[in-house]
Structures are given as C-alpha cells and as structure tokens.
Amino acid sequence: MNTAAVDPEAVNPEAVQPVAVITGASSGIGAATALKLADAGYRVVLTARRTEKLAEVADRIAKDGGQADTHQLDVTDRSAVEAFGAALGRCDVLVANAGGAIGGDSVAASSPDDWLAMYEVNVLGTLHITQVLLPKLIASGAGTIVLMSSTAGLTSYEGGGGYVAAEISHIFGSFGTAVTIIERGDHLLGRHDADIAERFTELYRKRFDVRLNAAVQQVSRAGPGVRLDLTTPTGPESAEGEVLLVAAGRQPNSDRLDVAAAGIEVDAHGHVRTDGTRQTTTPGIWALGDLANHFQLKHMANAEARVVWHNIAHPDKPRSAVFPVVPAAVFADPQVASAGATERELRALGRPYLAATHPYSKAAYGWALEDTTSFVKVLADPGTRLLLGAHIIGPQASTLIQPLVQAMCLGSTVDQMGRGVLYIHPALTEVLEQALLKLGG
C-alpha cells in the first residue's frame, strides 16, 4: 500500500497503456468506475482517504488481468491534493469522486460532528479536486475528466412531506418510533398525481401525526430533544421529539466547486450543463448524477455512468443518454411509483387525455391480499392512444410500473398493451391489464 507520492512507473507519460486516476476509489461508485475502466484497458490509480478497501478493489482488477496502483489521499487536505497533482505524470482519465461516510455505527448513533465531517469530505474534497487537479489537467491537455458528485447542501426549511420524509418516517415507524411529519402543503407527496397524494396522505395520517399546512417558526431545545413552534390555519401549535430530520430538499454544490474556473457552465438552478453524451461545456470534462440533472435518482445516475464509461473508452463511437420517461418510486408503506405526466400537468397544458383508475381489489391477487386502498391510474392520449402517465399506489408498485415504462419508451399503444399481450392469472399484473382496458378502444 503506497502512502507517499504517486509511483512514477504507474503514470509514466511515455507509457503506451492509458492511465485513469480515481479519487474516492474505496466507495461503491468509485470502485465500480475503476473496475469498468480497468476492463476497458486502462491502468488505474486508486486513491482514497481510507485505504482498507483499496487493496480489495486492486485485487479484483488484478484477477481480471488488469493493472492497478493504490495511494492514500485525503482530499480534504489541500496540500496533499496539490502534492498528488504535482507528482501526477500521465493521466488520460481523471474521475473526481469525493464520497464521504458517517463516522458512527449507525445513522441514529451518529453525532452532529459525524455529519459535519461527512459534509466536509463532500464539499472540501470535491472543491480541492476541482480547483487543483482539474485545471492542471486541462492546462496540460491531459485528456478526459469525469466529475462524479452527489454532494448537496441543505436549503432553508421548506417542509418535510416529500419522498425522503415519507421513506424515513416509514423506516422509523416500523421500529415503533412515534413520528410527527410537518408539511407546509395540504398533502404529502404533493408533486405526485393528486389522487395518489390524497390516498397516501390519508393512509399516513392513520400511522403518524401529520401536520398539514404548517410552517415552522422556531426550533429550540426541549430537554434532551427539540421543540418546534408552528403556525397553522387553526392557530399556533408545537411539536416535540428526540430527533429532528430536516427533509427540505437538495441543491447542487456547483457554486462551491467553482466549476466556472474550468469553464463549465451551469443552468439557473446550478446544475452543470451537459450534452447528450454527458460532456460538459468544457471538452474533456464529463458530469453525471445529482450535480448534472434535476431528477436526483440513483437509477438515472447509473444509466448516465454507463454512457460516460462507454464514451471514455470508445470516443469514436459516442452514445447519448436519452431517457424519454424517468420513472420514480417512493419505498414506503404504501409504496408509490410514477412515470410520465400527472393529470394536473395535462390539465395545465390544456392537453386532451383519457384517464382510468382501477383498484387492486378488483384483480384476483389484490382480492387475495384483502387490499382496499391500492390502485393503478393510467393517462392516455385519445388520438394516438399512447400512454402519457402511469401512477400506482400499493404493494409492489415499483415493480408493477416497469411494463408501463417500457411501453412509454418504446411507443406501444394502450391497446397493444391491454389487448395484445397475455397477463398471467392470478398475478398482480392483471390490475395493469384491467386499468388499460378501461381506456376503451
């Protein structure tokens, strides 16, 4: 295990084999990227603050016939990053992946200092990598740079009724924790289809203390816990608990990374601008994940990573990351999944549509589950008969949505989906068939 300067033989500028440097290579996405690049023929230089896992990654690469070197690098230490950059010889690909980890044994056991340390790794680490290594490589015309960062800063409190609050509430509630959800809107999951949001809110109010149309005015200590003073339509209220989770959304840290120093453009929301291949406005620099798109979904980042990996390894045959439909799910109880437009969005556009809703209970599997609250909702264009939106609440929603996503991406009509294929009885997918048949045709 190397802990000093970069081994010159590992990054010899005269070497024929291309070299890829990966920071944060002990993390899941860093390690996966290293394996992909090694498989594509790159000699990889693995760096991380904690080196325990680097040897494992290097061993996996070696077993597959690749070459890898390991180096300790604390990206929060600017002098260490500068020394690494100064010693860096040949580098055809730089993957800047700051990463970060919680110091405690679990989220519940982590102290504020642990969270601050994790935030420091993400912000300072990516900042140093960007300001020190990227401009140096750009100036030398070294090659390709991939900026992978899901780092995000907390915004001011805006309410906690989105998917993060829904999922974390479900987790803690399942362990017997009394949960209070404070939401400034009149429904939880307010960006979902109105029928889904209404049903989800109804069911969550049976499980938890849900305060709707409530705004936080003050947070203060209350013994070992916290107290929140609220304003509501019916007057002042308060809520107390042992722990406060602020699930107020995230925003990209492109301003703190100072991406403009490398000539990288961002949009009005701070997301890095990329073309279809995920290359930024500065040639040779690529961006993916939460930093570069508004969806903030792991499956979106995974798909983008595959495109970037291909384009780095095969620059003469670039691929584009084109996703006409981006599905999402809320892993709570009940589970929620959605793809495409909501009914509210179609109305706002003045676009004609057909709508059909079908309960789980009308399908054999749903009846066997004794389910009385779950349903599938589909929206279609009356002219083209193409599916415009799909929304599901209930067991296995994230799995049930997938055939509808396939149809939306591949251009299948609701008639082809509903009448042109067989649905296994008594599988839960029959509820999809029955919902589609309700659209007529």
Protein backbone atom coordinates (compact mmCIF):
# COMPACT_ATOMS: atom_id res chain seq x y z
CA MET A 1 0.00 0.00 0.00
CA ASN A 2 1.54 3.29 -1.12
CA THR A 3 1.04 6.30 1.13
CA ALA A 4 3.50 8.79 -0.37
CA ALA A 5 3.86 10.31 -3.82
CA VAL A 6 2.49 8.67 -6.94
CA ASP A 7 4.71 5.88 -8.29
CA PRO A 8 6.24 7.38 -11.48
CA GLU A 9 6.19 3.98 -13.16
CA ALA A 10 2.45 3.80 -12.62
CA VAL A 11 1.81 7.01 -14.52
CA ASN A 12 4.79 7.23 -16.87
CA PRO A 13 3.98 9.79 -19.58
CA GLU A 14 5.79 7.56 -22.08
CA ALA A 15 3.67 4.56 -21.22
CA VAL A 16 1.54 3.22 -24.04
CA GLN A 17 -1.23 1.99 -21.78
CA PRO A 18 -3.70 4.79 -20.90
CA VAL A 19 -3.93 5.75 -17.23
CA ALA A 20 -7.06 6.56 -15.22
CA VAL A 21 -6.93 8.18 -11.78
CA ILE A 22 -9.91 7.63 -9.48
CA THR A 23 -10.29 9.57 -6.24
CA GLY A 24 -12.61 8.10 -3.63
CA ALA A 25 -11.98 4.68 -5.15
CA SER A 26 -12.95 2.79 -2.00
CA SER A 27 -16.61 3.83 -2.33
CA GLY A 28 -19.19 1.86 -4.27
CA ILE A 29 -19.38 4.15 -7.30
CA GLY A 30 -15.63 4.86 -7.25
CA ALA A 31 -14.76 1.17 -7.11
CA ALA A 32 -17.30 0.32 -9.82
CA THR A 33 -15.84 3.01 -12.07
CA ALA A 34 -12.32 1.67 -11.50
CA LEU A 35 -13.39 -1.85 -12.46
CA LYS A 36 -15.07 -0.57 -15.63
CA LEU A 37 -12.05 1.46 -16.70
CA ALA A 38 -9.65 -1.41 -15.97
CA ASP A 39 -11.87 -3.69 -18.05
CA ALA A 40 -11.64 -1.11 -20.87
CA GLY A 41 -7.84 -1.40 -20.84
CA TYR A 42 -6.83 1.45 -18.55
CA ARG A 43 -4.18 1.19 -15.87
CA VAL A 44 -5.96 2.61 -12.83
CA VAL A 45 -4.52 4.63 -9.95
CA LEU A 46 -6.81 4.14 -6.95
CA THR A 47 -6.87 6.81 -4.24
CA ALA A 48 -8.90 7.19 -1.03
CA ARG A 49 -8.70 8.65 2.45
CA ARG A 50 -9.26 5.23 3.98
CA THR A 51 -7.20 2.60 2.27
CA GLU A 52 -8.64 -0.60 3.77
CA LYS A 53 -10.82 -1.36 0.75
CA LEU A 54 -8.42 -0.20 -1.94
CA ALA A 55 -6.46 -3.47 -1.84
CA GLU A 56 -9.69 -5.41 -2.41
CA VAL A 57 -10.51 -3.33 -5.49
CA ALA A 58 -6.93 -3.69 -6.79
CA ASP A 59 -7.05 -7.47 -6.24
CA ARG A 60 -10.31 -7.75 -8.21
CA ILE A 61 -8.75 -5.79 -11.07
CA ALA A 62 -5.62 -7.96 -10.99
CA LYS A 63 -7.66 -11.18 -11.04
CA ASP A 64 -9.33 -9.95 -14.22
CA GLY A 65 -5.93 -9.29 -15.80
CA GLY A 66 -5.87 -5.55 -15.20
CA GLN A 67 -3.32 -3.27 -13.51
CA ALA A 68 -3.94 -1.04 -10.51
CA ASP A 69 -1.94 1.01 -8.01
CA THR A 70 -3.22 2.22 -4.65
CA HIS A 71 -2.46 5.51 -2.90
CA GLN A 72 -3.73 7.19 0.23
CA LEU A 73 -5.08 10.67 -0.48
CA ASP A 74 -7.03 12.84 1.94
CA VAL A 75 -8.95 15.11 -0.41
CA THR A 76 -9.85 17.47 2.45
CA ASP A 77 -6.13 18.29 2.79
CA ARG A 78 -5.42 20.79 0.03
CA SER A 79 -1.64 20.45 0.37
CA ALA A 80 -1.96 16.68 -0.07
CA VAL A 81 -4.07 17.16 -3.19
CA GLU A 82 -1.55 19.69 -4.54
CA ALA A 83 1.32 17.26 -3.90
CA PHE A 84 -0.59 14.48 -5.62
CA GLY A 85 -1.29 16.73 -8.60
CA ALA A 86 2.35 17.82 -8.80
CA ALA A 87 3.56 14.20 -8.81
CA LEU A 88 0.96 13.10 -11.33
CA GLY A 89 2.53 12.27 -14.66
CA ARG A 90 0.42 10.75 -17.37
CA CYS A 91 -3.32 10.85 -16.84
CA ASP A 92 -5.76 10.12 -19.64
CA VAL A 93 -8.84 9.99 -17.43
CA LEU A 94 -9.45 11.63 -14.06
CA VAL A 95 -12.53 10.52 -12.14
CA ALA A 96 -13.18 13.04 -9.36
CA ASN A 97 -15.33 11.25 -6.79
CA ALA A 98 -15.16 12.79 -3.32
CA GLY A 99 -17.50 10.46 -1.46
CA GLY A 100 -17.98 10.54 2.29
CA ALA A 101 -19.03 8.37 5.20
CA ILE A 102 -20.67 8.71 8.59
CA GLY A 103 -18.36 8.09 11.49
CA GLY A 104 -20.83 6.47 13.90
CA ASP A 105 -22.07 2.91 13.95
CA SER A 106 -25.43 3.91 12.50
CA VAL A 107 -27.38 6.95 11.42
CA ALA A 108 -29.17 7.04 14.76
CA ALA A 109 -25.86 6.84 16.65
CA SER A 110 -24.09 9.50 14.58
CA SER A 111 -23.38 12.80 16.26
CA PRO A 112 -23.62 16.24 14.63
CA ASP A 113 -19.82 16.17 14.41
CA ASP A 114 -20.03 12.97 12.33
CA TRP A 115 -22.44 14.59 9.90
CA LEU A 116 -20.26 17.71 9.73
CA ALA A 117 -17.24 15.55 8.93
CA MET A 118 -19.13 13.81 6.13
CA TYR A 119 -20.25 17.14 4.71
CA GLU A 120 -16.66 18.40 4.88
CA VAL A 121 -15.42 15.45 2.86
CA ASN A 122 -18.03 16.03 0.18
CA VAL A 123 -17.68 19.80 -0.08
CA LEU A 124 -13.97 20.35 0.60
CA GLY A 125 -12.90 17.15 -1.13
CA THR A 126 -14.67 17.88 -4.37
CA LEU A 127 -13.66 21.55 -4.16
CA HIS A 128 -9.95 20.70 -3.86
CA ILE A 129 -10.10 18.12 -6.61
CA THR A 130 -11.84 20.60 -8.89
CA GLN A 131 -9.63 23.60 -8.14
CA VAL A 132 -6.29 21.77 -8.00
CA LEU A 133 -6.43 18.75 -10.29
CA LEU A 134 -8.91 19.67 -12.99
CA PRO A 135 -7.37 22.98 -14.10
CA LYS A 136 -3.93 21.36 -14.09
CA LEU A 137 -5.09 18.57 -16.38
CA ILE A 138 -6.99 20.96 -18.62
CA ALA A 139 -3.92 23.16 -18.99
CA SER A 140 -1.77 20.20 -19.96
CA GLY A 141 -4.38 18.82 -22.33
CA ALA A 142 -4.17 15.52 -20.50
CA GLY A 143 -7.43 14.03 -21.65
CA THR A 144 -10.80 13.19 -20.13
CA ILE A 145 -12.20 14.27 -16.79
CA VAL A 146 -15.29 12.82 -15.14
CA LEU A 147 -16.80 14.76 -12.25
CA MET A 148 -18.97 12.44 -10.19
CA SER A 149 -20.57 14.05 -7.19
CA SER A 150 -23.89 13.66 -5.45
CA THR A 151 -22.93 16.25 -2.88
CA ALA A 152 -25.75 18.58 -1.99
CA GLY A 153 -26.27 21.36 0.52
CA LEU A 154 -29.23 21.80 2.81
CA THR A 155 -31.55 24.62 1.87
CA SER A 156 -33.72 26.55 4.31
CA TYR A 157 -36.58 24.57 5.84
CA GLU A 158 -39.44 24.24 3.42
CA GLY A 159 -41.46 21.37 4.76
CA GLY A 160 -40.98 17.63 5.05
CA GLY A 161 -43.67 15.84 3.07
CA GLY A 162 -41.65 14.59 0.10
CA TYR A 163 -40.23 11.17 -0.65
CA VAL A 164 -37.35 11.41 1.85
CA ALA A 165 -39.70 12.26 4.71
CA ALA A 166 -42.11 9.53 3.58
CA GLU A 167 -39.44 6.83 3.44
CA ILE A 168 -37.62 7.77 6.65
CA SER A 169 -40.94 8.04 8.50
CA HIS A 170 -41.81 4.54 7.34
CA ILE A 171 -38.43 3.17 8.48
CA PHE A 172 -38.56 4.68 11.96
CA GLY A 173 -42.28 3.98 12.30
CA SER A 174 -41.65 0.31 11.53
CA PHE A 175 -39.31 0.20 14.54
CA GLY A 176 -42.04 1.59 16.78
CA THR A 177 -40.90 5.23 16.82
CA ALA A 178 -43.60 7.88 17.21
CA VAL A 179 -43.23 10.10 14.12
CA THR A 180 -44.53 13.62 13.50
CA ILE A 181 -44.48 14.92 9.91
CA ILE A 182 -44.73 18.65 9.33
CA GLU A 183 -45.74 19.70 5.82
CA ARG A 184 -46.46 23.21 4.60
CA GLY A 185 -48.78 21.96 1.83
CA ASP A 186 -52.17 20.32 2.06
CA HIS A 187 -50.93 16.84 1.04
CA LEU A 188 -47.87 14.67 1.41
CA LEU A 189 -46.09 13.80 -1.86
CA GLY A 190 -47.52 16.98 -3.30
CA ARG A 191 -45.71 16.65 -6.65
CA HIS A 192 -47.31 13.29 -7.41
CA ASP A 193 -50.67 12.85 -9.10
CA ALA A 194 -53.38 14.38 -6.90
CA ASP A 195 -55.25 11.09 -6.44
CA ILE A 196 -52.04 9.36 -5.33
CA ALA A 197 -51.09 12.20 -2.97
CA GLU A 198 -54.57 12.25 -1.44
CA ARG A 199 -54.64 8.50 -0.80
CA PHE A 200 -51.07 8.45 0.53
CA THR A 201 -51.81 11.31 2.93
CA GLU A 202 -54.97 9.58 4.10
CA LEU A 203 -53.08 6.38 4.91
CA TYR A 204 -50.13 8.15 6.53
CA ARG A 205 -52.43 10.11 8.83
CA LYS A 206 -53.55 6.75 10.21
CA ARG A 207 -49.93 5.82 11.01
CA PHE A 208 -48.35 9.12 12.04
CA ASP A 209 -49.01 12.55 13.48
CA VAL A 210 -49.23 14.53 10.22
CA ARG A 211 -49.44 18.33 10.47
CA LEU A 212 -50.55 19.80 7.13
CA ASN A 213 -50.45 23.45 6.07
CA ALA A 214 -47.97 24.02 8.88
CA ALA A 215 -44.92 26.29 8.86
CA VAL A 216 -42.00 26.11 11.30
CA GLN A 217 -41.36 29.41 13.06
CA GLN A 218 -38.76 28.34 15.59
CA VAL A 219 -36.73 25.33 16.67
CA SER A 220 -35.46 25.16 20.26
CA ARG A 221 -34.05 22.73 22.78
CA ALA A 222 -36.56 20.84 24.88
CA GLY A 223 -34.70 18.79 27.46
CA PRO A 224 -32.76 16.09 25.59
CA GLY A 225 -34.78 16.70 22.43
CA VAL A 226 -36.19 19.50 20.29
CA ARG A 227 -39.33 21.61 20.16
CA LEU A 228 -40.83 23.12 17.01
CA ASP A 229 -43.20 26.08 17.18
CA LEU A 230 -45.59 26.04 14.24
CA THR A 231 -48.15 28.28 12.60
CA THR A 232 -51.21 26.54 11.14
CA PRO A 233 -54.54 27.71 9.69
CA THR A 234 -56.16 27.00 13.08
CA GLY A 235 -53.54 28.84 15.13
CA PRO A 236 -50.17 28.22 16.83
CA GLU A 237 -49.12 24.64 17.52
CA SER A 238 -46.00 22.89 18.76
CA ALA A 239 -44.36 19.51 18.24
CA GLU A 240 -41.65 17.83 20.31
CA GLY A 241 -39.34 14.92 19.62
CA GLU A 242 -35.97 13.38 20.40
CA VAL A 243 -34.57 13.94 16.89
CA LEU A 244 -35.36 16.42 14.12
CA LEU A 245 -34.91 15.42 10.47
CA VAL A 246 -34.94 18.34 8.03
CA ALA A 247 -36.11 16.84 4.72
CA ALA A 248 -36.24 20.09 2.80
CA GLY A 249 -34.70 19.06 -0.50
CA ARG A 250 -31.23 19.42 -2.00
CA GLN A 251 -29.40 21.66 -4.41
CA PRO A 252 -26.18 21.12 -6.38
CA ASN A 253 -22.92 22.44 -4.97
CA SER A 254 -21.57 23.65 -8.31
CA ASP A 255 -21.04 27.12 -6.81
CA ARG A 256 -18.86 25.74 -4.03
CA LEU A 257 -16.95 23.62 -6.50
CA ASP A 258 -16.23 26.76 -8.53
CA VAL A 259 -16.80 24.87 -11.78
CA ALA A 260 -16.70 28.18 -13.65
CA ALA A 261 -12.93 28.21 -13.08
CA ALA A 262 -12.72 25.31 -15.53
CA GLY A 263 -15.09 27.00 -17.99
CA ILE A 264 -18.02 24.75 -17.06
CA GLU A 265 -21.46 26.31 -17.49
CA VAL A 266 -24.41 25.72 -15.14
CA ASP A 267 -28.14 26.34 -15.53
CA ALA A 268 -30.33 28.66 -13.45
CA HIS A 269 -30.60 26.03 -10.72
CA GLY A 270 -26.87 25.41 -10.50
CA HIS A 271 -26.86 22.09 -12.36
CA VAL A 272 -23.87 21.54 -14.64
CA ARG A 273 -24.85 21.76 -18.31
CA THR A 274 -24.06 18.68 -20.39
CA ASP A 275 -24.83 17.49 -23.90
CA GLY A 276 -26.43 14.16 -24.73
CA THR A 277 -23.16 12.33 -24.18
CA ARG A 278 -22.89 13.92 -20.69
CA GLN A 279 -19.89 16.03 -21.68
CA THR A 280 -19.86 19.49 -20.13
CA THR A 281 -19.33 22.77 -21.97
CA THR A 282 -15.58 22.26 -21.40
CA PRO A 283 -14.39 19.47 -23.75
CA GLY A 284 -12.91 16.52 -21.91
CA ILE A 285 -14.90 17.10 -18.70
CA TRP A 286 -17.95 14.94 -18.05
CA ALA A 287 -20.59 15.23 -15.34
CA LEU A 288 -23.33 12.92 -14.18
CA GLY A 289 -25.68 12.31 -11.27
CA ASP A 290 -27.26 14.90 -8.99
CA LEU A 291 -24.73 17.54 -10.00
CA ALA A 292 -25.88 17.45 -13.62
CA ASN A 293 -29.60 16.67 -13.64
CA HIS A 294 -32.73 17.61 -11.73
CA PHE A 295 -34.04 14.13 -11.05
CA GLN A 296 -31.62 13.11 -8.27
CA LEU A 297 -32.31 9.43 -8.83
CA LYS A 298 -29.79 6.63 -8.43
CA HIS A 299 -31.07 4.70 -11.46
CA MET A 300 -30.65 7.83 -13.58
CA ALA A 301 -27.05 8.23 -12.37
CA ASN A 302 -26.38 4.53 -13.06
CA ALA A 303 -27.60 4.87 -16.64
CA GLU A 304 -25.57 8.06 -17.15
CA ALA A 305 -22.48 6.33 -15.75
CA ARG A 306 -22.79 3.54 -18.33
CA VAL A 307 -22.96 6.14 -21.10
CA VAL A 308 -19.95 8.06 -19.77
CA TRP A 309 -17.91 4.87 -19.33
CA HIS A 310 -18.64 3.89 -22.93
CA ASN A 311 -17.81 7.34 -24.30
CA ILE A 312 -14.50 7.48 -22.45
CA ALA A 313 -13.47 4.02 -23.66
CA HIS A 314 -14.86 4.47 -27.19
CA PRO A 315 -14.59 8.18 -28.13
CA ASP A 316 -15.03 7.30 -31.80
CA LYS A 317 -18.44 5.73 -31.12
CA PRO A 318 -20.16 8.07 -28.64
CA ARG A 319 -23.53 7.23 -27.15
CA SER A 320 -26.19 9.63 -25.91
CA ALA A 321 -28.14 9.33 -22.68
CA VAL A 322 -31.70 9.84 -23.89
CA PHE A 323 -34.45 8.97 -21.42
CA PRO A 324 -37.91 9.98 -22.69
CA VAL A 325 -39.51 8.77 -19.46
CA VAL A 326 -37.95 8.89 -16.00
CA PRO A 327 -39.78 6.65 -13.52
CA ALA A 328 -39.53 7.08 -9.76
CA ALA A 329 -40.76 5.28 -6.68
CA VAL A 330 -41.35 6.00 -3.01
CA PHE A 331 -40.32 3.00 -0.92
CA ALA A 332 -42.71 3.50 1.94
CA ASP A 333 -45.88 1.75 3.13
CA PRO A 334 -47.85 2.18 0.96
CA GLN A 335 -45.36 2.06 -1.89
CA VAL A 336 -45.78 4.60 -4.71
CA ALA A 337 -44.48 4.58 -8.28
CA SER A 338 -44.95 7.04 -11.12
CA ALA A 339 -43.87 7.74 -14.69
CA GLY A 340 -44.84 10.45 -17.14
CA ALA A 341 -47.34 13.26 -16.66
CA THR A 342 -49.82 13.75 -13.84
CA GLU A 343 -53.43 14.65 -14.52
CA ARG A 344 -52.80 18.12 -13.08
CA GLU A 345 -49.93 18.70 -15.52
CA LEU A 346 -52.03 17.64 -18.52
CA ARG A 347 -54.82 19.98 -17.49
CA ALA A 348 -52.36 22.86 -17.12
CA LEU A 349 -51.12 22.20 -20.66
CA GLY A 350 -54.66 22.05 -22.00
CA ARG A 351 -53.87 18.67 -23.48
CA PRO A 352 -56.72 16.22 -24.13
CA TYR A 353 -56.41 12.92 -22.29
CA LEU A 354 -58.22 9.81 -21.16
CA ALA A 355 -57.97 8.64 -17.55
CA ALA A 356 -58.72 5.30 -15.93
CA THR A 357 -58.30 4.14 -12.34
CA HIS A 358 -58.54 0.54 -11.22
CA PRO A 359 -58.29 -0.79 -7.64
CA TYR A 360 -56.11 -3.74 -6.67
CA SER A 361 -59.15 -5.34 -5.06
CA LYS A 362 -60.76 -5.93 -8.48
CA ALA A 363 -57.89 -8.19 -9.50
CA ALA A 364 -57.54 -11.69 -8.09
CA TYR A 365 -54.20 -11.07 -6.41
CA GLY A 366 -55.39 -7.83 -4.84
CA TRP A 367 -58.55 -9.54 -3.60
CA ALA A 368 -56.41 -12.26 -2.04
CA LEU A 369 -54.36 -9.57 -0.30
CA GLU A 370 -57.63 -8.17 1.11
CA ASP A 371 -56.39 -4.82 -0.18
CA THR A 372 -58.91 -1.98 -0.08
CA THR A 373 -56.75 1.11 -0.63
CA SER A 374 -54.37 0.47 -3.55
CA PHE A 375 -54.97 1.39 -7.18
CA VAL A 376 -53.46 1.93 -10.62
CA LYS A 377 -54.11 5.12 -12.59
CA VAL A 378 -53.26 5.49 -16.28
CA LEU A 379 -53.48 8.53 -18.57
CA ALA A 380 -53.50 8.28 -22.38
CA ASP A 381 -53.73 10.44 -25.48
CA PRO A 382 -57.19 9.93 -27.07
CA GLY A 383 -55.79 10.33 -30.57
CA THR A 384 -52.52 8.43 -30.64
CA ARG A 385 -53.59 6.05 -27.85
CA LEU A 386 -50.12 6.39 -26.36
CA LEU A 387 -49.67 6.30 -22.62
CA LEU A 388 -48.97 9.75 -21.16
CA GLY A 389 -48.69 8.89 -17.47
CA ALA A 390 -48.88 5.99 -15.04
CA HIS A 391 -49.29 6.20 -11.26
CA ILE A 392 -49.55 3.35 -8.77
CA ILE A 393 -50.01 3.17 -5.02
CA GLY A 394 -49.84 -0.16 -3.24
CA PRO A 395 -47.75 -3.31 -2.80
CA GLN A 396 -45.06 -3.90 -5.48
CA ALA A 397 -45.81 -0.54 -7.12
CA SER A 398 -42.17 -0.03 -8.11
CA THR A 399 -42.20 -3.36 -9.95
CA LEU A 400 -45.65 -3.02 -11.49
CA ILE A 401 -44.77 0.32 -13.10
CA GLN A 402 -41.96 -1.17 -15.21
CA PRO A 403 -44.05 -2.67 -18.07
CA LEU A 404 -45.78 0.69 -18.44
CA VAL A 405 -42.42 2.48 -18.54
CA GLN A 406 -41.26 0.09 -21.26
CA ALA A 407 -44.39 0.85 -23.29
CA MET A 408 -43.96 4.61 -22.92
CA CYS A 409 -40.32 4.45 -24.03
CA LEU A 410 -40.92 2.08 -26.95
CA GLY A 411 -44.11 3.70 -28.27
CA SER A 412 -46.62 0.91 -27.59
CA THR A 413 -50.26 1.99 -27.52
CA VAL A 414 -52.58 1.25 -24.62
CA ASP A 415 -54.49 -1.12 -26.92
CA GLN A 416 -51.34 -3.08 -27.72
CA MET A 417 -50.54 -3.27 -24.01
CA GLY A 418 -54.07 -4.12 -22.89
CA ARG A 419 -55.22 -6.44 -25.67
CA GLY A 420 -52.10 -7.54 -27.49
CA VAL A 421 -50.40 -9.44 -24.67
CA LEU A 422 -51.44 -12.05 -22.12
CA TYR A 423 -51.28 -11.32 -18.39
CA ILE A 424 -50.65 -14.28 -16.11
CA HIS A 425 -53.51 -15.15 -13.77
CA PRO A 426 -53.69 -14.57 -10.83
CA ALA A 427 -50.58 -12.34 -10.84
CA LEU A 428 -50.87 -8.78 -9.60
CA THR A 429 -50.03 -7.52 -13.10
CA GLU A 430 -53.66 -8.21 -14.03
CA VAL A 431 -54.51 -4.92 -12.36
CA LEU A 432 -52.48 -3.21 -15.10
CA GLU A 433 -54.37 -5.08 -17.81
CA GLN A 434 -57.73 -4.15 -16.32
CA ALA A 435 -56.77 -0.48 -15.96
CA LEU A 436 -55.62 -0.31 -19.58
CA LEU A 437 -58.81 -1.97 -20.84
CA LYS A 438 -60.82 0.74 -19.07
CA LEU A 439 -59.37 3.24 -21.54
CA GLY A 440 -61.57 1.69 -24.22
CA GLY A 441 -60.64 1.38 -27.85
